[in-house]
Amino acid sequence: MSRPLVTQTQSRASTIRPVATMAEADSLIVHLMDVMDALLAIVTEETTQVRAGKLSAARKLEVSKTELSQLYVTGSARLQASQSYLAQMAPGILAAFRKRHELFQAVLQMNLTVLATAHAVSEGIIRGVSAELARKAMPAGYGASGRSALPQRHHAQPLALSRML
């Protein structure tokens, strides 16, 4: 039997142990910075590959990106749980991390924009191909108004697409 989502979230939040020493805080920040650097490299590579139209190469980065994202989320949750300690004991480190995180967010936003653009272009191509196939499948003739009959959406044939790139 599955537990409710709220209970699962609460149990995860209660298992996150905040840092208690400066050595732990330094270790956490260094770990998060390393993960962020690796994730930035993967996201930048993915953005470059998608812009170049090399979708299969970009797709190969998915596993690494997912693993690094999970590490980042876990580390960020611990950082969030440790925020009051870090604000008192190491405000400079916390401020530097926030500044670095803003750069990280900007790169992620650019990546999301590129991915959304590629998705929109792909969708437009598929819709165009589908419309052209429906138009060609429509018998040539004129409608009641004397104009060429346009294909109706409910008469369109399904379009099969191979996702192998």
N, C-alpha and C. Protein backbone atom coordinates (compact mmCIF):
# COMPACT_ATOMS: atom_id res chain seq x y z
N MET A 1 0.84 -1.18 0.00
CA MET A 1 0.00 0.00 0.00
C MET A 1 0.88 1.25 0.00
N SER A 2 0.58 2.22 -0.80
CA SER A 2 1.34 3.45 -0.94
C SER A 2 0.92 4.46 0.12
N ARG A 3 1.91 5.15 0.68
CA ARG A 3 1.60 6.20 1.64
C ARG A 3 1.21 7.47 0.91
N PRO A 4 0.39 8.31 1.54
CA PRO A 4 0.01 9.57 0.90
C PRO A 4 1.25 10.44 0.65
N LEU A 5 1.16 11.29 -0.37
CA LEU A 5 2.28 12.14 -0.75
C LEU A 5 2.70 13.06 0.39
N VAL A 6 1.77 13.63 1.11
CA VAL A 6 2.10 14.54 2.20
C VAL A 6 2.94 13.82 3.25
N THR A 7 2.57 12.61 3.60
CA THR A 7 3.31 11.84 4.59
C THR A 7 4.71 11.53 4.08
N GLN A 8 4.86 11.16 2.81
CA GLN A 8 6.17 10.88 2.24
C GLN A 8 7.04 12.13 2.26
N THR A 9 6.48 13.26 1.91
CA THR A 9 7.23 14.51 1.90
C THR A 9 7.65 14.89 3.31
N GLN A 10 6.74 14.74 4.27
CA GLN A 10 7.07 15.07 5.65
C GLN A 10 8.16 14.16 6.19
N SER A 11 8.12 12.86 5.85
CA SER A 11 9.14 11.94 6.36
C SER A 11 10.49 12.25 5.73
N ARG A 12 10.52 12.64 4.45
CA ARG A 12 11.78 13.02 3.82
C ARG A 12 12.34 14.28 4.46
N ALA A 13 11.47 15.25 4.73
CA ALA A 13 11.92 16.49 5.33
C ALA A 13 12.46 16.25 6.74
N SER A 14 11.87 15.31 7.47
CA SER A 14 12.33 15.06 8.82
C SER A 14 13.64 14.28 8.85
N THR A 15 14.01 13.60 7.75
CA THR A 15 15.26 12.84 7.72
C THR A 15 16.44 13.69 7.29
N ILE A 16 16.22 14.89 6.84
CA ILE A 16 17.30 15.77 6.43
C ILE A 16 17.94 16.35 7.68
N ARG A 17 19.22 16.08 7.83
CA ARG A 17 19.94 16.54 9.01
C ARG A 17 20.70 17.82 8.66
N PRO A 18 20.42 18.91 9.37
CA PRO A 18 21.16 20.14 9.09
C PRO A 18 22.62 20.01 9.53
N VAL A 19 23.47 20.83 8.94
CA VAL A 19 24.88 20.81 9.34
C VAL A 19 25.01 21.31 10.77
N ALA A 20 26.00 20.78 11.49
CA ALA A 20 26.20 21.15 12.89
C ALA A 20 27.57 21.77 13.13
N THR A 21 28.48 21.62 12.18
CA THR A 21 29.83 22.18 12.35
C THR A 21 30.23 22.92 11.08
N MET A 22 31.26 23.73 11.20
CA MET A 22 31.76 24.45 10.04
C MET A 22 32.37 23.49 9.02
N ALA A 23 32.97 22.40 9.49
CA ALA A 23 33.53 21.41 8.58
C ALA A 23 32.42 20.79 7.72
N GLU A 24 31.29 20.48 8.33
CA GLU A 24 30.15 19.95 7.58
C GLU A 24 29.62 20.99 6.60
N ALA A 25 29.56 22.25 7.06
CA ALA A 25 29.07 23.33 6.19
C ALA A 25 29.98 23.50 4.99
N ASP A 26 31.30 23.51 5.23
CA ASP A 26 32.24 23.63 4.11
C ASP A 26 32.11 22.46 3.15
N SER A 27 31.99 21.26 3.71
CA SER A 27 31.86 20.06 2.89
C SER A 27 30.59 20.11 2.05
N LEU A 28 29.49 20.55 2.64
CA LEU A 28 28.22 20.65 1.92
C LEU A 28 28.31 21.67 0.79
N ILE A 29 28.87 22.84 1.08
CA ILE A 29 28.98 23.89 0.06
C ILE A 29 29.89 23.43 -1.08
N VAL A 30 31.03 22.82 -0.75
CA VAL A 30 31.94 22.34 -1.78
C VAL A 30 31.25 21.27 -2.64
N HIS A 31 30.54 20.35 -1.98
CA HIS A 31 29.80 19.31 -2.71
C HIS A 31 28.77 19.94 -3.65
N LEU A 32 27.99 20.89 -3.15
CA LEU A 32 26.98 21.53 -3.99
C LEU A 32 27.60 22.31 -5.14
N MET A 33 28.71 22.97 -4.89
CA MET A 33 29.38 23.72 -5.97
C MET A 33 29.89 22.74 -7.03
N ASP A 34 30.47 21.61 -6.61
CA ASP A 34 30.95 20.61 -7.57
C ASP A 34 29.80 20.04 -8.40
N VAL A 35 28.71 19.71 -7.72
CA VAL A 35 27.54 19.18 -8.43
C VAL A 35 26.99 20.23 -9.39
N MET A 36 26.94 21.48 -8.93
CA MET A 36 26.43 22.56 -9.77
C MET A 36 27.32 22.75 -11.01
N ASP A 37 28.64 22.69 -10.82
CA ASP A 37 29.55 22.83 -11.96
C ASP A 37 29.35 21.71 -12.96
N ALA A 38 29.24 20.47 -12.47
CA ALA A 38 29.02 19.33 -13.36
C ALA A 38 27.68 19.44 -14.08
N LEU A 39 26.66 19.86 -13.35
CA LEU A 39 25.33 20.01 -13.95
C LEU A 39 25.33 21.14 -14.98
N LEU A 40 26.02 22.22 -14.69
CA LEU A 40 26.13 23.31 -15.66
C LEU A 40 26.82 22.85 -16.94
N ALA A 41 27.86 22.05 -16.79
CA ALA A 41 28.56 21.53 -17.97
C ALA A 41 27.64 20.66 -18.81
N ILE A 42 26.87 19.80 -18.15
CA ILE A 42 25.94 18.91 -18.88
C ILE A 42 24.85 19.73 -19.56
N VAL A 43 24.28 20.69 -18.85
CA VAL A 43 23.19 21.51 -19.40
C VAL A 43 23.71 22.35 -20.57
N THR A 44 24.91 22.90 -20.43
CA THR A 44 25.49 23.68 -21.52
C THR A 44 25.73 22.80 -22.75
N GLU A 45 26.24 21.60 -22.52
CA GLU A 45 26.46 20.66 -23.63
C GLU A 45 25.12 20.29 -24.28
N GLU A 46 24.11 20.04 -23.46
CA GLU A 46 22.79 19.70 -24.00
C GLU A 46 22.24 20.86 -24.84
N THR A 47 22.38 22.07 -24.36
CA THR A 47 21.91 23.25 -25.09
C THR A 47 22.63 23.35 -26.43
N THR A 48 23.94 23.14 -26.42
CA THR A 48 24.73 23.20 -27.65
C THR A 48 24.28 22.13 -28.64
N GLN A 49 24.08 20.91 -28.15
CA GLN A 49 23.66 19.81 -29.02
C GLN A 49 22.27 20.07 -29.62
N VAL A 50 21.34 20.55 -28.80
CA VAL A 50 19.98 20.81 -29.30
C VAL A 50 20.01 21.93 -30.33
N ARG A 51 20.77 22.99 -30.05
CA ARG A 51 20.87 24.09 -31.02
C ARG A 51 21.43 23.62 -32.35
N ALA A 52 22.36 22.65 -32.29
CA ALA A 52 22.97 22.12 -33.51
C ALA A 52 22.09 21.07 -34.18
N GLY A 53 20.96 20.73 -33.55
CA GLY A 53 20.06 19.73 -34.12
C GLY A 53 20.49 18.30 -33.87
N LYS A 54 21.43 18.10 -32.97
CA LYS A 54 21.93 16.76 -32.65
C LYS A 54 21.17 16.22 -31.44
N LEU A 55 19.92 15.88 -31.68
CA LEU A 55 19.04 15.48 -30.58
C LEU A 55 19.44 14.14 -29.96
N SER A 56 19.96 13.24 -30.76
CA SER A 56 20.38 11.95 -30.19
C SER A 56 21.57 12.12 -29.27
N ALA A 57 22.48 13.02 -29.59
CA ALA A 57 23.62 13.29 -28.72
C ALA A 57 23.15 13.97 -27.43
N ALA A 58 22.18 14.86 -27.55
CA ALA A 58 21.64 15.54 -26.37
C ALA A 58 20.91 14.56 -25.47
N ARG A 59 20.26 13.61 -26.07
CA ARG A 59 19.51 12.62 -25.29
C ARG A 59 20.41 11.72 -24.46
N LYS A 60 21.62 11.49 -24.93
CA LYS A 60 22.58 10.65 -24.21
C LYS A 60 23.01 11.29 -22.88
N LEU A 61 22.81 12.57 -22.75
CA LEU A 61 23.19 13.29 -21.53
C LEU A 61 22.12 13.18 -20.44
N GLU A 62 20.98 12.63 -20.78
CA GLU A 62 19.83 12.60 -19.88
C GLU A 62 20.10 11.88 -18.56
N VAL A 63 20.77 10.73 -18.61
CA VAL A 63 21.01 9.95 -17.40
C VAL A 63 21.91 10.72 -16.43
N SER A 64 23.00 11.27 -16.95
CA SER A 64 23.91 12.05 -16.10
C SER A 64 23.21 13.27 -15.52
N LYS A 65 22.42 13.91 -16.35
CA LYS A 65 21.70 15.11 -15.91
C LYS A 65 20.73 14.76 -14.79
N THR A 66 20.05 13.64 -14.90
CA THR A 66 19.10 13.21 -13.87
C THR A 66 19.82 12.90 -12.56
N GLU A 67 20.92 12.17 -12.64
CA GLU A 67 21.67 11.82 -11.43
C GLU A 67 22.19 13.06 -10.73
N LEU A 68 22.77 13.97 -11.49
CA LEU A 68 23.29 15.20 -10.90
C LEU A 68 22.16 16.06 -10.33
N SER A 69 21.03 16.07 -10.99
CA SER A 69 19.89 16.84 -10.49
C SER A 69 19.42 16.30 -9.15
N GLN A 70 19.40 14.98 -9.02
CA GLN A 70 18.99 14.38 -7.74
C GLN A 70 19.98 14.73 -6.63
N LEU A 71 21.29 14.69 -6.94
CA LEU A 71 22.29 15.09 -5.95
C LEU A 71 22.11 16.56 -5.55
N TYR A 72 21.82 17.39 -6.54
CA TYR A 72 21.65 18.81 -6.28
C TYR A 72 20.42 19.07 -5.40
N VAL A 73 19.33 18.40 -5.68
CA VAL A 73 18.11 18.59 -4.90
C VAL A 73 18.33 18.13 -3.45
N THR A 74 19.00 17.00 -3.28
CA THR A 74 19.27 16.50 -1.94
C THR A 74 20.17 17.46 -1.17
N GLY A 75 21.24 17.91 -1.82
CA GLY A 75 22.15 18.87 -1.18
C GLY A 75 21.47 20.19 -0.87
N SER A 76 20.62 20.64 -1.78
CA SER A 76 19.89 21.90 -1.57
C SER A 76 18.92 21.80 -0.40
N ALA A 77 18.31 20.64 -0.25
CA ALA A 77 17.40 20.44 0.88
C ALA A 77 18.16 20.50 2.20
N ARG A 78 19.37 19.92 2.22
CA ARG A 78 20.18 19.98 3.44
C ARG A 78 20.64 21.42 3.68
N LEU A 79 20.99 22.11 2.63
CA LEU A 79 21.39 23.52 2.77
C LEU A 79 20.23 24.35 3.31
N GLN A 80 19.03 24.10 2.81
CA GLN A 80 17.85 24.81 3.29
C GLN A 80 17.62 24.53 4.77
N ALA A 81 17.79 23.27 5.17
CA ALA A 81 17.61 22.90 6.57
C ALA A 81 18.68 23.54 7.46
N SER A 82 19.82 23.88 6.87
CA SER A 82 20.95 24.43 7.62
C SER A 82 21.05 25.95 7.50
N GLN A 83 20.09 26.56 6.88
CA GLN A 83 20.18 27.98 6.57
C GLN A 83 20.38 28.87 7.80
N SER A 84 19.69 28.60 8.89
CA SER A 84 19.85 29.45 10.07
C SER A 84 21.26 29.32 10.64
N TYR A 85 21.81 28.10 10.66
CA TYR A 85 23.18 27.90 11.16
C TYR A 85 24.17 28.64 10.26
N LEU A 86 24.02 28.48 8.95
CA LEU A 86 24.94 29.10 8.01
C LEU A 86 24.84 30.63 8.03
N ALA A 87 23.63 31.14 8.22
CA ALA A 87 23.46 32.59 8.29
C ALA A 87 24.20 33.18 9.49
N GLN A 88 24.27 32.45 10.59
CA GLN A 88 24.97 32.92 11.78
C GLN A 88 26.47 32.68 11.69
N MET A 89 26.86 31.49 11.26
CA MET A 89 28.26 31.09 11.33
C MET A 89 29.07 31.40 10.07
N ALA A 90 28.43 31.43 8.92
CA ALA A 90 29.15 31.62 7.66
C ALA A 90 28.32 32.40 6.66
N PRO A 91 27.98 33.65 7.00
CA PRO A 91 27.13 34.41 6.06
C PRO A 91 27.81 34.68 4.72
N GLY A 92 29.13 34.78 4.69
CA GLY A 92 29.84 35.01 3.43
C GLY A 92 29.72 33.83 2.49
N ILE A 93 29.85 32.64 3.04
CA ILE A 93 29.74 31.43 2.23
C ILE A 93 28.33 31.32 1.66
N LEU A 94 27.34 31.60 2.48
CA LEU A 94 25.95 31.53 2.04
C LEU A 94 25.67 32.55 0.94
N ALA A 95 26.21 33.77 1.10
CA ALA A 95 26.02 34.81 0.08
C ALA A 95 26.70 34.42 -1.24
N ALA A 96 27.89 33.84 -1.16
CA ALA A 96 28.60 33.41 -2.37
C ALA A 96 27.82 32.30 -3.07
N PHE A 97 27.26 31.39 -2.28
CA PHE A 97 26.48 30.32 -2.88
C PHE A 97 25.24 30.87 -3.57
N ARG A 98 24.58 31.82 -2.94
CA ARG A 98 23.38 32.41 -3.56
C ARG A 98 23.71 33.09 -4.88
N LYS A 99 24.84 33.79 -4.91
CA LYS A 99 25.25 34.46 -6.14
C LYS A 99 25.52 33.43 -7.24
N ARG A 100 26.19 32.35 -6.87
CA ARG A 100 26.48 31.28 -7.83
C ARG A 100 25.20 30.61 -8.31
N HIS A 101 24.25 30.48 -7.40
CA HIS A 101 22.97 29.86 -7.74
C HIS A 101 22.19 30.72 -8.74
N GLU A 102 22.32 32.03 -8.65
CA GLU A 102 21.65 32.92 -9.61
C GLU A 102 22.20 32.70 -11.03
N LEU A 103 23.51 32.52 -11.14
CA LEU A 103 24.12 32.21 -12.43
C LEU A 103 23.60 30.87 -12.95
N PHE A 104 23.52 29.91 -12.04
CA PHE A 104 23.01 28.58 -12.37
C PHE A 104 21.59 28.68 -12.92
N GLN A 105 20.75 29.46 -12.27
CA GLN A 105 19.37 29.62 -12.72
C GLN A 105 19.31 30.27 -14.11
N ALA A 106 20.19 31.22 -14.38
CA ALA A 106 20.20 31.88 -15.69
C ALA A 106 20.55 30.89 -16.79
N VAL A 107 21.54 30.02 -16.54
CA VAL A 107 21.92 29.02 -17.54
C VAL A 107 20.78 28.02 -17.73
N LEU A 108 20.14 27.61 -16.64
CA LEU A 108 19.00 26.69 -16.75
C LEU A 108 17.86 27.31 -17.53
N GLN A 109 17.61 28.59 -17.33
CA GLN A 109 16.53 29.27 -18.06
C GLN A 109 16.82 29.29 -19.55
N MET A 110 18.08 29.53 -19.90
CA MET A 110 18.45 29.53 -21.31
C MET A 110 18.26 28.12 -21.89
N ASN A 111 18.65 27.09 -21.13
CA ASN A 111 18.47 25.71 -21.57
C ASN A 111 17.00 25.40 -21.78
N LEU A 112 16.15 25.81 -20.86
CA LEU A 112 14.71 25.56 -20.99
C LEU A 112 14.13 26.28 -22.19
N THR A 113 14.63 27.46 -22.48
CA THR A 113 14.16 28.21 -23.64
C THR A 113 14.53 27.49 -24.93
N VAL A 114 15.76 26.99 -25.00
CA VAL A 114 16.20 26.25 -26.19
C VAL A 114 15.38 24.98 -26.36
N LEU A 115 15.16 24.26 -25.26
CA LEU A 115 14.37 23.03 -25.34
C LEU A 115 12.92 23.32 -25.75
N ALA A 116 12.35 24.39 -25.21
CA ALA A 116 10.97 24.74 -25.57
C ALA A 116 10.88 25.15 -27.05
N THR A 117 11.89 25.85 -27.53
CA THR A 117 11.92 26.24 -28.94
C THR A 117 12.02 25.01 -29.84
N ALA A 118 12.91 24.09 -29.47
CA ALA A 118 13.05 22.86 -30.26
C ALA A 118 11.75 22.07 -30.25
N HIS A 119 11.08 22.03 -29.12
CA HIS A 119 9.80 21.33 -29.03
C HIS A 119 8.76 21.99 -29.92
N ALA A 120 8.68 23.31 -29.88
CA ALA A 120 7.69 24.03 -30.68
C ALA A 120 7.96 23.84 -32.18
N VAL A 121 9.23 23.89 -32.57
CA VAL A 121 9.57 23.69 -33.98
C VAL A 121 9.20 22.28 -34.41
N SER A 122 9.54 21.29 -33.59
CA SER A 122 9.21 19.90 -33.91
C SER A 122 7.71 19.71 -34.03
N GLU A 123 6.98 20.29 -33.10
CA GLU A 123 5.52 20.17 -33.14
C GLU A 123 4.96 20.82 -34.39
N GLY A 124 5.49 21.98 -34.77
CA GLY A 124 5.04 22.66 -35.98
C GLY A 124 5.31 21.83 -37.23
N ILE A 125 6.46 21.17 -37.27
CA ILE A 125 6.78 20.32 -38.42
C ILE A 125 5.80 19.15 -38.50
N ILE A 126 5.56 18.51 -37.37
CA ILE A 126 4.64 17.36 -37.35
C ILE A 126 3.23 17.79 -37.75
N ARG A 127 2.78 18.91 -37.22
CA ARG A 127 1.45 19.40 -37.59
C ARG A 127 1.38 19.73 -39.09
N GLY A 128 2.45 20.31 -39.63
CA GLY A 128 2.49 20.62 -41.06
C GLY A 128 2.44 19.37 -41.91
N VAL A 129 3.21 18.35 -41.52
CA VAL A 129 3.21 17.09 -42.26
C VAL A 129 1.83 16.45 -42.18
N SER A 130 1.24 16.45 -41.01
CA SER A 130 -0.09 15.87 -40.83
C SER A 130 -1.12 16.60 -41.70
N ALA A 131 -1.07 17.93 -41.70
CA ALA A 131 -2.02 18.70 -42.50
C ALA A 131 -1.83 18.42 -44.00
N GLU A 132 -0.58 18.31 -44.42
CA GLU A 132 -0.31 18.04 -45.83
C GLU A 132 -0.81 16.65 -46.23
N LEU A 133 -0.59 15.67 -45.36
CA LEU A 133 -1.09 14.32 -45.64
C LEU A 133 -2.61 14.30 -45.70
N ALA A 134 -3.25 15.04 -44.79
CA ALA A 134 -4.72 15.09 -44.80
C ALA A 134 -5.22 15.78 -46.06
N ARG A 135 -4.53 16.82 -46.49
CA ARG A 135 -4.93 17.54 -47.70
C ARG A 135 -4.80 16.64 -48.93
N LYS A 136 -3.70 15.88 -48.98
CA LYS A 136 -3.50 14.99 -50.13
C LYS A 136 -4.48 13.82 -50.14
N ALA A 137 -4.93 13.41 -48.96
CA ALA A 137 -5.87 12.30 -48.87
C ALA A 137 -7.29 12.74 -49.20
N MET A 138 -7.55 14.01 -49.18
CA MET A 138 -8.88 14.55 -49.45
C MET A 138 -9.14 14.50 -50.95
N PRO A 139 -10.29 14.01 -51.35
CA PRO A 139 -10.59 13.98 -52.79
C PRO A 139 -10.68 15.40 -53.35
N ALA A 140 -10.18 15.57 -54.56
CA ALA A 140 -10.23 16.87 -55.21
C ALA A 140 -11.67 17.17 -55.59
N GLY A 141 -12.10 18.36 -55.28
CA GLY A 141 -13.46 18.74 -55.62
C GLY A 141 -13.81 20.08 -55.01
N TYR A 142 -15.05 20.46 -55.22
CA TYR A 142 -15.50 21.75 -54.72
C TYR A 142 -16.62 21.52 -53.73
N GLY A 143 -16.68 22.42 -52.74
CA GLY A 143 -17.73 22.35 -51.74
C GLY A 143 -18.97 23.07 -52.22
N ALA A 144 -19.95 23.18 -51.36
CA ALA A 144 -21.23 23.82 -51.69
C ALA A 144 -21.05 25.29 -52.00
N SER A 145 -20.02 25.92 -51.45
CA SER A 145 -19.80 27.34 -51.70
C SER A 145 -19.07 27.61 -53.01
N GLY A 146 -18.63 26.55 -53.68
CA GLY A 146 -17.91 26.73 -54.94
C GLY A 146 -16.40 26.79 -54.74
N ARG A 147 -15.96 26.68 -53.52
CA ARG A 147 -14.52 26.69 -53.23
C ARG A 147 -14.03 25.27 -53.03
N SER A 148 -12.71 25.12 -53.10
CA SER A 148 -12.13 23.80 -52.86
C SER A 148 -12.47 23.35 -51.45
N ALA A 149 -12.80 22.09 -51.34
CA ALA A 149 -13.13 21.55 -50.02
C ALA A 149 -11.85 21.40 -49.20
N LEU A 150 -11.89 21.83 -47.94
CA LEU A 150 -10.76 21.71 -47.04
C LEU A 150 -10.91 20.45 -46.20
N PRO A 151 -9.81 19.82 -45.86
CA PRO A 151 -9.91 18.61 -45.04
C PRO A 151 -10.44 18.96 -43.65
N GLN A 152 -11.27 18.08 -43.14
CA GLN A 152 -11.81 18.29 -41.80
C GLN A 152 -10.98 17.50 -40.81
N ARG A 153 -10.83 18.04 -39.62
CA ARG A 153 -9.97 17.42 -38.62
C ARG A 153 -10.42 16.02 -38.25
N HIS A 154 -11.71 15.79 -38.16
CA HIS A 154 -12.19 14.48 -37.73
C HIS A 154 -12.02 13.42 -38.82
N HIS A 155 -11.68 13.83 -40.02
CA HIS A 155 -11.44 12.87 -41.10
C HIS A 155 -9.95 12.59 -41.31
N ALA A 156 -9.10 13.24 -40.56
CA ALA A 156 -7.66 13.08 -40.73
C ALA A 156 -7.22 11.69 -40.29
N GLN A 157 -6.29 11.13 -41.02
CA GLN A 157 -5.73 9.82 -40.69
C GLN A 157 -4.66 10.00 -39.60
N PRO A 158 -4.51 9.00 -38.75
CA PRO A 158 -3.46 9.09 -37.73
C PRO A 158 -2.08 9.13 -38.39
N LEU A 159 -1.17 9.76 -37.72
CA LEU A 159 0.19 9.91 -38.24
C LEU A 159 1.10 9.09 -37.33
N ALA A 160 1.85 8.17 -37.89
CA ALA A 160 2.81 7.36 -37.12
C ALA A 160 4.19 8.00 -37.27
N LEU A 161 4.90 8.05 -36.17
CA LEU A 161 6.20 8.68 -36.16
C LEU A 161 7.20 7.78 -35.45
N SER A 162 8.32 7.55 -36.06
CA SER A 162 9.39 6.78 -35.42
C SER A 162 10.23 7.74 -34.59
N ARG A 163 10.44 7.42 -33.32
CA ARG A 163 11.22 8.29 -32.45
C ARG A 163 12.70 7.99 -32.51
N MET A 164 13.10 7.07 -33.36
CA MET A 164 14.51 6.75 -33.52
C MET A 164 15.16 7.88 -34.29
N LEU A 165 16.21 8.44 -33.72
CA LEU A 165 16.88 9.57 -34.38
C LEU A 165 18.21 9.13 -34.92
